[in-house]
Amino acid sequence: MPTPAGSPPRRDGNPAVFRRTSPPWAVTTTYLIAAGAAVLLLHGKRRGADLACAIMVTDLAANRYAVHGIQHSDFLAEPGLQRLGAFGAFVLVITPFLRKHLLGSPGRGE
């Protein structure tokens, strides 16, 4: 639900602040890159795991900026951002173990 002009954004615990505060092209690009990572992972490519880590780091940074810089809130007051942070940590911890079972690029010694 849109907020009236001049009023602060709703604080509903939703980590999707990025979608409400970014231009449509940035959101579309993020979705396309995430879809690319999913395709690479489904094909068993290591680059998909690397891209997933990069996506998690940048998504967490963008949402953290939106919560802190735009909503003037903090990490502990936003349960959605806490969940996103926990999932991001999980992705970053599990990726090295996952990479061992994925295929590298042919001819590159991976």
N, C-alpha and C. Protein backbone atom coordinates (compact mmCIF):
# COMPACT_ATOMS: atom_id res chain seq x y z
N MET A 1 0.85 -1.18 0.00
CA MET A 1 0.00 0.00 0.00
C MET A 1 0.89 1.23 0.00
N PRO A 2 0.71 2.15 -0.95
CA PRO A 2 1.54 3.35 -0.99
C PRO A 2 1.26 4.25 0.20
N THR A 3 2.28 4.97 0.62
CA THR A 3 2.10 5.91 1.71
C THR A 3 1.85 7.29 1.14
N PRO A 4 1.10 8.13 1.85
CA PRO A 4 0.87 9.49 1.36
C PRO A 4 2.18 10.26 1.26
N ALA A 5 2.20 11.25 0.39
CA ALA A 5 3.41 12.04 0.18
C ALA A 5 3.83 12.71 1.49
N GLY A 6 5.10 12.64 1.78
CA GLY A 6 5.64 13.27 2.98
C GLY A 6 5.62 12.40 4.22
N SER A 7 4.93 11.26 4.18
CA SER A 7 4.91 10.40 5.36
C SER A 7 5.99 9.34 5.22
N PRO A 8 6.52 8.85 6.34
CA PRO A 8 7.57 7.83 6.27
C PRO A 8 7.02 6.52 5.72
N PRO A 9 7.88 5.69 5.12
CA PRO A 9 7.41 4.39 4.62
C PRO A 9 6.92 3.51 5.76
N ARG A 10 6.01 2.60 5.45
CA ARG A 10 5.52 1.65 6.45
C ARG A 10 6.66 0.80 6.97
N ARG A 11 6.64 0.49 8.24
CA ARG A 11 7.64 -0.38 8.83
C ARG A 11 6.94 -1.68 9.19
N ASP A 12 6.88 -2.58 8.24
CA ASP A 12 6.15 -3.83 8.45
C ASP A 12 7.07 -5.04 8.56
N GLY A 13 8.37 -4.82 8.75
CA GLY A 13 9.29 -5.94 8.87
C GLY A 13 9.65 -6.57 7.53
N ASN A 14 9.28 -5.94 6.44
CA ASN A 14 9.53 -6.48 5.11
C ASN A 14 10.91 -6.05 4.63
N PRO A 15 11.79 -7.01 4.26
CA PRO A 15 13.12 -6.62 3.79
C PRO A 15 13.12 -6.06 2.37
N ALA A 16 11.97 -5.95 1.77
CA ALA A 16 11.89 -5.53 0.37
C ALA A 16 11.84 -4.02 0.23
N VAL A 17 12.48 -3.30 1.13
CA VAL A 17 12.54 -1.85 1.04
C VAL A 17 13.19 -1.44 -0.27
N PHE A 18 14.17 -2.21 -0.72
CA PHE A 18 14.88 -1.93 -1.96
C PHE A 18 13.91 -1.76 -3.11
N ARG A 19 12.88 -2.60 -3.19
CA ARG A 19 11.92 -2.52 -4.28
C ARG A 19 11.10 -1.23 -4.24
N ARG A 20 10.85 -0.72 -3.03
CA ARG A 20 10.03 0.49 -2.92
C ARG A 20 10.85 1.76 -3.11
N THR A 21 12.17 1.67 -2.98
CA THR A 21 12.99 2.88 -3.01
C THR A 21 13.93 2.95 -4.21
N SER A 22 13.89 1.97 -5.08
CA SER A 22 14.80 1.92 -6.23
C SER A 22 14.03 2.10 -7.53
N PRO A 23 14.74 2.56 -8.56
CA PRO A 23 14.09 2.66 -9.87
C PRO A 23 13.76 1.28 -10.42
N PRO A 24 12.73 1.18 -11.23
CA PRO A 24 12.31 -0.13 -11.76
C PRO A 24 13.40 -0.88 -12.49
N TRP A 25 14.29 -0.19 -13.20
CA TRP A 25 15.35 -0.88 -13.93
C TRP A 25 16.29 -1.61 -12.98
N ALA A 26 16.54 -1.05 -11.80
CA ALA A 26 17.45 -1.69 -10.85
C ALA A 26 16.84 -2.97 -10.30
N VAL A 27 15.55 -2.94 -10.03
CA VAL A 27 14.87 -4.13 -9.52
C VAL A 27 14.84 -5.20 -10.59
N THR A 28 14.52 -4.83 -11.83
CA THR A 28 14.47 -5.78 -12.94
C THR A 28 15.84 -6.41 -13.16
N THR A 29 16.89 -5.60 -13.12
CA THR A 29 18.25 -6.11 -13.30
C THR A 29 18.60 -7.10 -12.20
N THR A 30 18.22 -6.79 -10.97
CA THR A 30 18.49 -7.70 -9.85
C THR A 30 17.79 -9.04 -10.07
N TYR A 31 16.54 -9.01 -10.51
CA TYR A 31 15.81 -10.25 -10.77
C TYR A 31 16.45 -11.05 -11.90
N LEU A 32 16.89 -10.38 -12.95
CA LEU A 32 17.52 -11.09 -14.07
C LEU A 32 18.84 -11.73 -13.66
N ILE A 33 19.63 -11.03 -12.86
CA ILE A 33 20.90 -11.60 -12.40
C ILE A 33 20.64 -12.79 -11.49
N ALA A 34 19.63 -12.69 -10.62
CA ALA A 34 19.29 -13.81 -9.75
C ALA A 34 18.81 -15.01 -10.57
N ALA A 35 18.05 -14.75 -11.62
CA ALA A 35 17.60 -15.84 -12.49
C ALA A 35 18.80 -16.48 -13.19
N GLY A 36 19.77 -15.66 -13.59
CA GLY A 36 20.99 -16.21 -14.20
C GLY A 36 21.76 -17.09 -13.24
N ALA A 37 21.85 -16.68 -11.99
CA ALA A 37 22.51 -17.51 -10.97
C ALA A 37 21.77 -18.83 -10.79
N ALA A 38 20.45 -18.77 -10.79
CA ALA A 38 19.66 -20.00 -10.63
C ALA A 38 19.89 -20.95 -11.80
N VAL A 39 19.93 -20.42 -13.01
CA VAL A 39 20.18 -21.27 -14.19
C VAL A 39 21.56 -21.91 -14.10
N LEU A 40 22.57 -21.12 -13.72
CA LEU A 40 23.92 -21.68 -13.59
C LEU A 40 23.97 -22.77 -12.52
N LEU A 41 23.29 -22.54 -11.40
CA LEU A 41 23.28 -23.56 -10.34
C LEU A 41 22.55 -24.82 -10.79
N LEU A 42 21.46 -24.65 -11.52
CA LEU A 42 20.72 -25.82 -12.01
C LEU A 42 21.55 -26.63 -13.00
N HIS A 43 22.47 -25.97 -13.70
CA HIS A 43 23.37 -26.67 -14.62
C HIS A 43 24.64 -27.13 -13.93
N GLY A 44 24.73 -26.94 -12.61
CA GLY A 44 25.87 -27.44 -11.84
C GLY A 44 27.15 -26.63 -12.02
N LYS A 45 27.05 -25.35 -12.30
CA LYS A 45 28.23 -24.52 -12.55
C LYS A 45 28.65 -23.78 -11.27
N ARG A 46 29.95 -23.73 -11.06
CA ARG A 46 30.49 -23.02 -9.89
C ARG A 46 30.21 -21.52 -9.96
N ARG A 47 30.17 -20.98 -11.16
CA ARG A 47 29.91 -19.56 -11.31
C ARG A 47 28.54 -19.18 -10.72
N GLY A 48 27.60 -20.10 -10.75
CA GLY A 48 26.29 -19.85 -10.15
C GLY A 48 26.38 -19.64 -8.66
N ALA A 49 27.21 -20.44 -7.99
CA ALA A 49 27.40 -20.28 -6.54
C ALA A 49 28.10 -18.96 -6.24
N ASP A 50 29.09 -18.61 -7.05
CA ASP A 50 29.79 -17.34 -6.85
C ASP A 50 28.84 -16.16 -7.05
N LEU A 51 28.01 -16.26 -8.08
CA LEU A 51 27.06 -15.19 -8.37
C LEU A 51 26.01 -15.09 -7.26
N ALA A 52 25.59 -16.22 -6.72
CA ALA A 52 24.62 -16.21 -5.62
C ALA A 52 25.20 -15.49 -4.40
N CYS A 53 26.48 -15.71 -4.11
CA CYS A 53 27.13 -15.01 -2.99
C CYS A 53 27.18 -13.51 -3.25
N ALA A 54 27.53 -13.13 -4.46
CA ALA A 54 27.59 -11.71 -4.79
C ALA A 54 26.21 -11.06 -4.69
N ILE A 55 25.19 -11.78 -5.12
CA ILE A 55 23.83 -11.27 -5.04
C ILE A 55 23.42 -11.07 -3.58
N MET A 56 23.73 -12.04 -2.73
CA MET A 56 23.36 -11.93 -1.32
C MET A 56 24.05 -10.76 -0.65
N VAL A 57 25.32 -10.57 -0.94
CA VAL A 57 26.07 -9.47 -0.32
C VAL A 57 25.51 -8.12 -0.78
N THR A 58 25.28 -7.96 -2.07
CA THR A 58 24.78 -6.69 -2.56
C THR A 58 23.34 -6.44 -2.13
N ASP A 59 22.51 -7.49 -2.09
CA ASP A 59 21.13 -7.33 -1.66
C ASP A 59 21.07 -6.93 -0.18
N LEU A 60 21.87 -7.57 0.64
CA LEU A 60 21.91 -7.22 2.06
C LEU A 60 22.40 -5.79 2.25
N ALA A 61 23.42 -5.40 1.49
CA ALA A 61 23.94 -4.03 1.59
C ALA A 61 22.89 -3.01 1.16
N ALA A 62 22.18 -3.29 0.06
CA ALA A 62 21.15 -2.36 -0.42
C ALA A 62 20.01 -2.23 0.58
N ASN A 63 19.56 -3.34 1.13
CA ASN A 63 18.48 -3.29 2.10
C ASN A 63 18.93 -2.64 3.40
N ARG A 64 20.17 -2.88 3.80
CA ARG A 64 20.70 -2.24 5.01
C ARG A 64 20.76 -0.73 4.81
N TYR A 65 21.20 -0.30 3.65
CA TYR A 65 21.24 1.14 3.35
C TYR A 65 19.82 1.72 3.38
N ALA A 66 18.87 1.02 2.76
CA ALA A 66 17.50 1.53 2.72
C ALA A 66 16.91 1.65 4.12
N VAL A 67 17.16 0.66 4.97
CA VAL A 67 16.63 0.71 6.33
C VAL A 67 17.31 1.81 7.13
N HIS A 68 18.62 1.89 7.04
CA HIS A 68 19.36 2.87 7.85
C HIS A 68 19.28 4.28 7.25
N GLY A 69 19.54 4.40 5.95
CA GLY A 69 19.63 5.71 5.33
C GLY A 69 18.30 6.34 4.98
N ILE A 70 17.30 5.54 4.66
CA ILE A 70 16.03 6.08 4.21
C ILE A 70 14.97 6.03 5.32
N GLN A 71 14.87 4.88 5.99
CA GLN A 71 13.86 4.75 7.05
C GLN A 71 14.38 5.19 8.41
N HIS A 72 15.67 5.42 8.53
CA HIS A 72 16.29 5.84 9.80
C HIS A 72 15.97 4.85 10.92
N SER A 73 16.13 3.59 10.60
CA SER A 73 15.92 2.51 11.57
C SER A 73 17.25 1.78 11.75
N ASP A 74 17.23 0.69 12.48
CA ASP A 74 18.46 -0.08 12.65
C ASP A 74 18.18 -1.56 12.44
N PHE A 75 19.25 -2.33 12.40
CA PHE A 75 19.18 -3.76 12.11
C PHE A 75 18.31 -4.51 13.12
N LEU A 76 18.43 -4.18 14.39
CA LEU A 76 17.70 -4.89 15.43
C LEU A 76 16.20 -4.58 15.42
N ALA A 77 15.81 -3.47 14.84
CA ALA A 77 14.39 -3.10 14.80
C ALA A 77 13.67 -3.66 13.58
N GLU A 78 14.40 -4.28 12.67
CA GLU A 78 13.81 -4.78 11.43
C GLU A 78 13.95 -6.30 11.33
N PRO A 79 12.91 -7.04 11.70
CA PRO A 79 13.01 -8.51 11.65
C PRO A 79 13.22 -9.06 10.24
N GLY A 80 12.69 -8.38 9.23
CA GLY A 80 12.89 -8.84 7.85
C GLY A 80 14.35 -8.74 7.45
N LEU A 81 15.00 -7.68 7.86
CA LEU A 81 16.43 -7.51 7.57
C LEU A 81 17.25 -8.53 8.35
N GLN A 82 16.82 -8.86 9.56
CA GLN A 82 17.52 -9.89 10.34
C GLN A 82 17.42 -11.25 9.65
N ARG A 83 16.24 -11.58 9.14
CA ARG A 83 16.08 -12.85 8.41
C ARG A 83 16.93 -12.88 7.15
N LEU A 84 16.95 -11.75 6.43
CA LEU A 84 17.78 -11.66 5.23
C LEU A 84 19.26 -11.81 5.58
N GLY A 85 19.69 -11.22 6.69
CA GLY A 85 21.07 -11.35 7.14
C GLY A 85 21.41 -12.79 7.51
N ALA A 86 20.48 -13.48 8.18
CA ALA A 86 20.72 -14.88 8.55
C ALA A 86 20.82 -15.75 7.30
N PHE A 87 19.93 -15.52 6.33
CA PHE A 87 19.99 -16.30 5.10
C PHE A 87 21.26 -15.99 4.31
N GLY A 88 21.65 -14.73 4.29
CA GLY A 88 22.90 -14.35 3.61
C GLY A 88 24.10 -15.03 4.25
N ALA A 89 24.14 -15.08 5.58
CA ALA A 89 25.23 -15.76 6.27
C ALA A 89 25.23 -17.25 5.93
N PHE A 90 24.04 -17.85 5.87
CA PHE A 90 23.93 -19.26 5.51
C PHE A 90 24.48 -19.51 4.11
N VAL A 91 24.11 -18.65 3.16
CA VAL A 91 24.60 -18.81 1.78
C VAL A 91 26.12 -18.69 1.73
N LEU A 92 26.67 -17.70 2.43
CA LEU A 92 28.12 -17.50 2.41
C LEU A 92 28.87 -18.64 3.09
N VAL A 93 28.29 -19.25 4.11
CA VAL A 93 28.95 -20.36 4.81
C VAL A 93 28.86 -21.65 4.01
N ILE A 94 27.73 -21.90 3.38
CA ILE A 94 27.51 -23.18 2.70
C ILE A 94 28.16 -23.23 1.31
N THR A 95 28.40 -22.08 0.69
CA THR A 95 28.91 -22.04 -0.68
C THR A 95 30.24 -22.76 -0.87
N PRO A 96 31.24 -22.61 0.01
CA PRO A 96 32.49 -23.35 -0.22
C PRO A 96 32.29 -24.87 -0.27
N PHE A 97 31.38 -25.39 0.54
CA PHE A 97 31.10 -26.82 0.51
C PHE A 97 30.35 -27.22 -0.74
N LEU A 98 29.47 -26.35 -1.19
CA LEU A 98 28.70 -26.61 -2.40
C LEU A 98 29.58 -26.56 -3.64
N ARG A 99 30.53 -25.63 -3.67
CA ARG A 99 31.41 -25.47 -4.85
C ARG A 99 32.18 -26.75 -5.18
N LYS A 100 32.52 -27.54 -4.16
CA LYS A 100 33.28 -28.77 -4.38
C LYS A 100 32.52 -29.75 -5.27
N HIS A 101 31.20 -29.67 -5.26
CA HIS A 101 30.38 -30.61 -6.01
C HIS A 101 29.86 -30.05 -7.33
N LEU A 102 30.27 -28.84 -7.65
CA LEU A 102 29.83 -28.22 -8.90
C LEU A 102 30.94 -28.26 -9.94
N LEU A 103 30.55 -28.12 -11.20
CA LEU A 103 31.49 -28.16 -12.30
C LEU A 103 32.10 -26.79 -12.53
N GLY A 104 33.40 -26.79 -12.83
CA GLY A 104 34.07 -25.53 -13.20
C GLY A 104 33.98 -25.34 -14.69
N SER A 105 34.57 -24.25 -15.15
CA SER A 105 34.60 -23.99 -16.58
C SER A 105 35.63 -24.90 -17.25
N PRO A 106 35.31 -25.51 -18.39
CA PRO A 106 36.27 -26.38 -19.05
C PRO A 106 37.50 -25.61 -19.55
N GLY A 107 38.66 -26.18 -19.35
CA GLY A 107 39.88 -25.57 -19.83
C GLY A 107 40.45 -24.50 -18.94
N ARG A 108 39.86 -24.25 -17.82
CA ARG A 108 40.35 -23.21 -16.92
C ARG A 108 40.96 -23.79 -15.66
N GLY A 109 40.99 -25.07 -15.50
CA GLY A 109 41.62 -25.69 -14.35
C GLY A 109 40.82 -25.57 -13.07
N GLU A 110 39.52 -25.28 -13.18
CA GLU A 110 38.68 -25.18 -11.97
C GLU A 110 38.11 -26.51 -11.61
